[in-house]
């Protein structure tokens, strides 16, 4: 919880329970997302310009930021 607050995360952030972000270049994200879906992650957000992918096990959804 302390780290979440230090990086500007919200109090009820999924990152405290069921989510994490993976830093990686845009060109590797598509293959990584395919593997994440196979592994059972259900919330997947790609952020190619910012260089990370968000993964969680919450509601099934995908997005691009």
PDB file of N, CA and C in Angstrom:
ATOM      1  N   UNK A   1       0.826  -1.190   0.000  1.00  0.00           N
ATOM      2  CA  UNK A   1       0.000   0.000   0.000  1.00  0.00           C
ATOM      3  C   UNK A   1       0.871   1.254   0.000  1.00  0.00           C
ATOM      4  N   UNK A   2       1.984   1.196   0.727  1.00  0.00           N
ATOM      5  CA  UNK A   2       2.858   2.368   0.795  1.00  0.00           C
ATOM      6  C   UNK A   2       3.421   2.703  -0.594  1.00  0.00           C
ATOM      7  N   UNK A   3       3.910   1.687  -1.306  1.00  0.00           N
ATOM      8  CA  UNK A   3       4.450   1.926  -2.652  1.00  0.00           C
ATOM      9  C   UNK A   3       3.369   2.476  -3.576  1.00  0.00           C
ATOM     10  N   UNK A   4       2.170   1.919  -3.489  1.00  0.00           N
ATOM     11  CA  UNK A   4       1.067   2.393  -4.324  1.00  0.00           C
ATOM     12  C   UNK A   4       0.834   3.880  -4.093  1.00  0.00           C
ATOM     13  N   UNK A   5       0.847   4.310  -2.839  1.00  0.00           N
ATOM     14  CA  UNK A   5       0.663   5.725  -2.528  1.00  0.00           C
ATOM     15  C   UNK A   5       1.834   6.559  -3.044  1.00  0.00           C
ATOM     16  N   UNK A   6       3.051   6.035  -2.919  1.00  0.00           N
ATOM     17  CA  UNK A   6       4.242   6.763  -3.366  1.00  0.00           C
ATOM     18  C   UNK A   6       4.246   7.011  -4.867  1.00  0.00           C
ATOM     19  N   UNK A   7       3.670   6.101  -5.638  1.00  0.00           N
ATOM     20  CA  UNK A   7       3.650   6.267  -7.095  1.00  0.00           C
ATOM     21  C   UNK A   7       2.355   6.899  -7.594  1.00  0.00           C
ATOM     22  N   UNK A   8       1.535   7.393  -6.691  1.00  0.00           N
ATOM     23  CA  UNK A   8       0.323   8.102  -7.074  1.00  0.00           C
ATOM     24  C   UNK A   8      -0.884   7.220  -7.322  1.00  0.00           C
ATOM     25  N   UNK A   9      -0.838   5.961  -6.865  1.00  0.00           N
ATOM     26  CA  UNK A   9      -1.974   5.051  -7.023  1.00  0.00           C
ATOM     27  C   UNK A   9      -3.137   5.437  -6.124  1.00  0.00           C
ATOM     28  N   UNK A  10      -4.323   5.031  -6.502  1.00  0.00           N
ATOM     29  CA  UNK A  10      -5.505   5.342  -5.709  1.00  0.00           C
ATOM     30  C   UNK A  10      -5.662   4.353  -4.561  1.00  0.00           C
ATOM     31  N   UNK A  11      -6.412   4.749  -3.568  1.00  0.00           N
ATOM     32  CA  UNK A  11      -6.591   3.929  -2.370  1.00  0.00           C
ATOM     33  C   UNK A  11      -7.197   2.565  -2.677  1.00  0.00           C
ATOM     34  N   UNK A  12      -8.166   2.481  -3.572  1.00  0.00           N
ATOM     35  CA  UNK A  12      -8.808   1.212  -3.905  1.00  0.00           C
ATOM     36  C   UNK A  12      -8.237   0.544  -5.149  1.00  0.00           C
ATOM     37  N   UNK A  13      -7.014   0.857  -5.492  1.00  0.00           N
ATOM     38  CA  UNK A  13      -6.393   0.360  -6.721  1.00  0.00           C
ATOM     39  C   UNK A  13      -6.394  -1.158  -6.813  1.00  0.00           C
ATOM     40  N   UNK A  14      -6.672  -1.665  -8.008  1.00  0.00           N
ATOM     41  CA  UNK A  14      -6.567  -3.107  -8.247  1.00  0.00           C
ATOM     42  C   UNK A  14      -5.140  -3.586  -8.034  1.00  0.00           C
ATOM     43  N   UNK A  15      -4.165  -2.688  -8.165  1.00  0.00           N
ATOM     44  CA  UNK A  15      -2.762  -3.057  -7.984  1.00  0.00           C
ATOM     45  C   UNK A  15      -2.468  -3.506  -6.553  1.00  0.00           C
ATOM     46  N   UNK A  16      -3.376  -3.264  -5.640  1.00  0.00           N
ATOM     47  CA  UNK A  16      -3.197  -3.733  -4.263  1.00  0.00           C
ATOM     48  C   UNK A  16      -3.686  -5.164  -4.088  1.00  0.00           C
ATOM     49  N   UNK A  17      -4.412  -5.684  -5.082  1.00  0.00           N
ATOM     50  CA  UNK A  17      -5.011  -7.011  -4.928  1.00  0.00           C
ATOM     51  C   UNK A  17      -4.797  -7.921  -6.135  1.00  0.00           C
ATOM     52  N   UNK A  18      -5.216  -7.482  -7.315  1.00  0.00           N
ATOM     53  CA  UNK A  18      -5.311  -8.426  -8.440  1.00  0.00           C
ATOM     54  C   UNK A  18      -4.662  -7.938  -9.726  1.00  0.00           C
ATOM     55  N   UNK A  19      -3.808  -6.918  -9.661  1.00  0.00           N
ATOM     56  CA  UNK A  19      -3.279  -6.337 -10.895  1.00  0.00           C
ATOM     57  C   UNK A  19      -1.807  -5.964 -10.765  1.00  0.00           C
ATOM     58  N   UNK A  20      -1.167  -5.876 -11.921  1.00  0.00           N
ATOM     59  CA  UNK A  20       0.200  -5.358 -11.975  1.00  0.00           C
ATOM     60  C   UNK A  20       0.482  -4.830 -13.375  1.00  0.00           C
ATOM     61  N   UNK A  21       1.518  -4.021 -13.483  1.00  0.00           N
ATOM     62  CA  UNK A  21       1.948  -3.471 -14.759  1.00  0.00           C
ATOM     63  C   UNK A  21       3.322  -4.030 -15.104  1.00  0.00           C
ATOM     64  N   UNK A  22       3.524  -4.339 -16.378  1.00  0.00           N
ATOM     65  CA  UNK A  22       4.800  -4.867 -16.873  1.00  0.00           C
ATOM     66  C   UNK A  22       5.398  -3.859 -17.841  1.00  0.00           C
ATOM     67  N   UNK A  23       6.602  -3.426 -17.558  1.00  0.00           N
ATOM     68  CA  UNK A  23       7.291  -2.487 -18.434  1.00  0.00           C
ATOM     69  C   UNK A  23       7.905  -3.255 -19.598  1.00  0.00           C
ATOM     70  N   UNK A  24       7.597  -2.799 -20.821  1.00  0.00           N
ATOM     71  CA  UNK A  24       8.183  -3.427 -22.010  1.00  0.00           C
ATOM     72  C   UNK A  24       7.959  -2.543 -23.225  1.00  0.00           C
ATOM     73  N   UNK A  25       8.835  -2.665 -24.223  1.00  0.00           N
ATOM     74  CA  UNK A  25       8.674  -1.855 -25.428  1.00  0.00           C
ATOM     75  C   UNK A  25       7.443  -2.280 -26.230  1.00  0.00           C
ATOM     76  N   UNK A  26       6.930  -1.361 -27.002  1.00  0.00           N
ATOM     77  CA  UNK A  26       5.711  -1.594 -27.784  1.00  0.00           C
ATOM     78  C   UNK A  26       5.815  -2.812 -28.687  1.00  0.00           C
ATOM     79  N   UNK A  27       6.973  -3.040 -29.281  1.00  0.00           N
ATOM     80  CA  UNK A  27       7.107  -4.139 -30.243  1.00  0.00           C
ATOM     81  C   UNK A  27       7.011  -5.520 -29.602  1.00  0.00           C
ATOM     82  N   UNK A  28       7.080  -5.624 -28.295  1.00  0.00           N
ATOM     83  CA  UNK A  28       6.971  -6.927 -27.623  1.00  0.00           C
ATOM     84  C   UNK A  28       5.588  -7.147 -27.006  1.00  0.00           C
ATOM     85  N   UNK A  29       4.756  -6.128 -26.994  1.00  0.00           N
ATOM     86  CA  UNK A  29       3.490  -6.205 -26.277  1.00  0.00           C
ATOM     87  C   UNK A  29       2.491  -7.185 -26.881  1.00  0.00           C
ATOM     88  N   UNK A  30       2.384  -7.282 -28.181  1.00  0.00           N
ATOM     89  CA  UNK A  30       1.378  -8.155 -28.806  1.00  0.00           C
ATOM     90  C   UNK A  30       1.585  -9.609 -28.402  1.00  0.00           C
ATOM     91  N   UNK A  31       2.815 -10.112 -28.495  1.00  0.00           N
ATOM     92  CA  UNK A  31       3.088 -11.496 -28.101  1.00  0.00           C
ATOM     93  C   UNK A  31       2.858 -11.701 -26.608  1.00  0.00           C
ATOM     94  N   UNK A  32       3.250 -10.714 -25.801  1.00  0.00           N
ATOM     95  CA  UNK A  32       3.066 -10.807 -24.360  1.00  0.00           C
ATOM     96  C   UNK A  32       1.582 -10.885 -24.003  1.00  0.00           C
ATOM     97  N   UNK A  33       0.759 -10.065 -24.660  1.00  0.00           N
ATOM     98  CA  UNK A  33      -0.684 -10.071 -24.406  1.00  0.00           C
ATOM     99  C   UNK A  33      -1.282 -11.425 -24.772  1.00  0.00           C
ATOM    100  N   UNK A  34      -0.856 -12.012 -25.868  1.00  0.00           N
ATOM    101  CA  UNK A  34      -1.335 -13.347 -26.250  1.00  0.00           C
ATOM    102  C   UNK A  34      -1.020 -14.362 -25.158  1.00  0.00           C
ATOM    103  N   UNK A  35       0.199 -14.326 -24.635  1.00  0.00           N
ATOM    104  CA  UNK A  35       0.579 -15.248 -23.556  1.00  0.00           C
ATOM    105  C   UNK A  35      -0.218 -14.977 -22.285  1.00  0.00           C
ATOM    106  N   UNK A  36      -0.456 -13.704 -21.980  1.00  0.00           N
ATOM    107  CA  UNK A  36      -1.216 -13.349 -20.781  1.00  0.00           C
ATOM    108  C   UNK A  36      -2.651 -13.863 -20.868  1.00  0.00           C
ATOM    109  N   UNK A  37      -3.260 -13.758 -22.041  1.00  0.00           N
ATOM    110  CA  UNK A  37      -4.618 -14.267 -22.227  1.00  0.00           C
ATOM    111  C   UNK A  37      -4.648 -15.780 -22.060  1.00  0.00           C
ATOM    112  N   UNK A  38      -3.658 -16.463 -22.606  1.00  0.00           N
ATOM    113  CA  UNK A  38      -3.558 -17.914 -22.465  1.00  0.00           C
ATOM    114  C   UNK A  38      -3.388 -18.305 -21.000  1.00  0.00           C
ATOM    115  N   UNK A  39      -2.671 -17.486 -20.249  1.00  0.00           N
ATOM    116  CA  UNK A  39      -2.428 -17.756 -18.831  1.00  0.00           C
ATOM    117  C   UNK A  39      -3.642 -17.455 -17.960  1.00  0.00           C
ATOM    118  N   UNK A  40      -4.674 -16.799 -18.517  1.00  0.00           N
ATOM    119  CA  UNK A  40      -5.900 -16.566 -17.772  1.00  0.00           C
ATOM    120  C   UNK A  40      -6.136 -15.152 -17.285  1.00  0.00           C
ATOM    121  N   UNK A  41      -5.279 -14.203 -17.670  1.00  0.00           N
ATOM    122  CA  UNK A  41      -5.540 -12.817 -17.288  1.00  0.00           C
ATOM    123  C   UNK A  41      -6.735 -12.315 -18.078  1.00  0.00           C
ATOM    124  N   UNK A  42      -7.604 -11.556 -17.430  1.00  0.00           N
ATOM    125  CA  UNK A  42      -8.866 -11.139 -18.039  1.00  0.00           C
ATOM    126  C   UNK A  42      -8.961  -9.641 -18.280  1.00  0.00           C
ATOM    127  N   UNK A  43      -8.184  -8.863 -17.588  1.00  0.00           N
ATOM    128  CA  UNK A  43      -8.114  -7.421 -17.813  1.00  0.00           C
ATOM    129  C   UNK A  43      -6.752  -7.093 -18.386  1.00  0.00           C
ATOM    130  N   UNK A  44      -6.724  -6.630 -19.626  1.00  0.00           N
ATOM    131  CA  UNK A  44      -5.445  -6.409 -20.297  1.00  0.00           C
ATOM    132  C   UNK A  44      -5.472  -5.057 -20.998  1.00  0.00           C
ATOM    133  N   UNK A  45      -4.578  -4.183 -20.580  1.00  0.00           N
ATOM    134  CA  UNK A  45      -4.459  -2.872 -21.201  1.00  0.00           C
ATOM    135  C   UNK A  45      -3.073  -2.674 -21.774  1.00  0.00           C
ATOM    136  N   UNK A  46      -3.012  -2.298 -23.045  1.00  0.00           N
ATOM    137  CA  UNK A  46      -1.722  -2.039 -23.701  1.00  0.00           C
ATOM    138  C   UNK A  46      -1.480  -0.538 -23.765  1.00  0.00           C
ATOM    139  N   UNK A  47      -0.277  -0.143 -23.408  1.00  0.00           N
ATOM    140  CA  UNK A  47       0.133   1.255 -23.447  1.00  0.00           C
ATOM    141  C   UNK A  47       1.450   1.347 -24.227  1.00  0.00           C
ATOM    142  N   UNK A  48       1.395   1.223 -25.544  1.00  0.00           N
ATOM    143  CA  UNK A  48       2.626   1.174 -26.337  1.00  0.00           C
ATOM    144  C   UNK A  48       3.481   2.440 -26.237  1.00  0.00           C
ATOM    145  N   UNK A  49       2.877   3.587 -26.219  1.00  0.00           N
ATOM    146  CA  UNK A  49       3.657   4.832 -26.158  1.00  0.00           C
ATOM    147  C   UNK A  49       4.285   5.045 -24.790  1.00  0.00           C
ATOM    148  N   UNK A  50       3.637   4.531 -23.758  1.00  0.00           N
ATOM    149  CA  UNK A  50       4.164   4.691 -22.393  1.00  0.00           C
ATOM    150  C   UNK A  50       5.031   3.507 -21.978  1.00  0.00           C
ATOM    151  N   UNK A  51       5.044   2.448 -22.788  1.00  0.00           N
ATOM    152  CA  UNK A  51       5.963   1.345 -22.565  1.00  0.00           C
ATOM    153  C   UNK A  51       5.588   0.368 -21.468  1.00  0.00           C
ATOM    154  N   UNK A  52       4.286   0.079 -21.325  1.00  0.00           N
ATOM    155  CA  UNK A  52       3.901  -0.947 -20.359  1.00  0.00           C
ATOM    156  C   UNK A  52       2.592  -1.614 -20.736  1.00  0.00           C
ATOM    157  N   UNK A  53       2.336  -2.764 -20.095  1.00  0.00           N
ATOM    158  CA  UNK A  53       1.087  -3.512 -20.233  1.00  0.00           C
ATOM    159  C   UNK A  53       0.518  -3.708 -18.836  1.00  0.00           C
ATOM    160  N   UNK A  54      -0.774  -3.462 -18.681  1.00  0.00           N
ATOM    161  CA  UNK A  54      -1.483  -3.700 -17.420  1.00  0.00           C
ATOM    162  C   UNK A  54      -2.174  -5.058 -17.515  1.00  0.00           C
ATOM    163  N   UNK A  55      -2.042  -5.866 -16.467  1.00  0.00           N
ATOM    164  CA  UNK A  55      -2.731  -7.162 -16.391  1.00  0.00           C
ATOM    165  C   UNK A  55      -3.481  -7.260 -15.080  1.00  0.00           C
ATOM    166  N   UNK A  56      -4.692  -7.846 -15.141  1.00  0.00           N
ATOM    167  CA  UNK A  56      -5.408  -8.142 -13.911  1.00  0.00           C
ATOM    168  C   UNK A  56      -6.323  -9.345 -14.112  1.00  0.00           C
ATOM    169  N   UNK A  57      -6.932  -9.773 -13.036  1.00  0.00           N
ATOM    170  CA  UNK A  57      -7.842 -10.922 -13.079  1.00  0.00           C
ATOM    171  C   UNK A  57      -9.261 -10.499 -12.732  1.00  0.00           C
ATOM    172  N   UNK A  58      -9.595  -9.253 -13.015  1.00  0.00           N
ATOM    173  CA  UNK A  58     -10.938  -8.743 -12.771  1.00  0.00           C
ATOM    174  C   UNK A  58     -11.862  -9.039 -13.944  1.00  0.00           C
ATOM    175  N   UNK A  59     -12.745  -8.093 -14.230  1.00  0.00           N
ATOM    176  CA  UNK A  59     -13.702  -8.249 -15.325  1.00  0.00           C
ATOM    177  C   UNK A  59     -12.989  -8.439 -16.657  1.00  0.00           C
ATOM    178  N   UNK A  60     -13.586  -9.234 -17.544  1.00  0.00           N
ATOM    179  CA  UNK A  60     -12.987  -9.486 -18.860  1.00  0.00           C
ATOM    180  C   UNK A  60     -13.125  -8.231 -19.719  1.00  0.00           C
ATOM    181  N   UNK A  61     -11.972  -7.661 -20.075  1.00  0.00           N
ATOM    182  CA  UNK A  61     -11.951  -6.480 -20.924  1.00  0.00           C
ATOM    183  C   UNK A  61     -10.538  -6.248 -21.428  1.00  0.00           C
ATOM    184  N   UNK A  62     -10.434  -5.558 -22.541  1.00  0.00           N
ATOM    185  CA  UNK A  62      -9.141  -5.137 -23.080  1.00  0.00           C
ATOM    186  C   UNK A  62      -9.261  -3.678 -23.480  1.00  0.00           C
ATOM    187  N   UNK A  63      -8.140  -2.977 -23.475  1.00  0.00           N
ATOM    188  CA  UNK A  63      -8.122  -1.584 -23.880  1.00  0.00           C
ATOM    189  C   UNK A  63      -6.715  -1.206 -24.308  1.00  0.00           C
ATOM    190  N   UNK A  64      -6.638  -0.061 -24.910  1.00  0.00           N
ATOM    191  CA  UNK A  64      -5.354   0.467 -25.369  1.00  0.00           C
ATOM    192  C   UNK A  64      -5.270   1.911 -24.922  1.00  0.00           C
ATOM    193  N   UNK A  65      -4.202   2.245 -24.253  1.00  0.00           N
ATOM    194  CA  UNK A  65      -4.041   3.600 -23.728  1.00  0.00           C
ATOM    195  C   UNK A  65      -2.996   4.390 -24.457  1.00  0.00           C
TER     196      UNK A  65
END
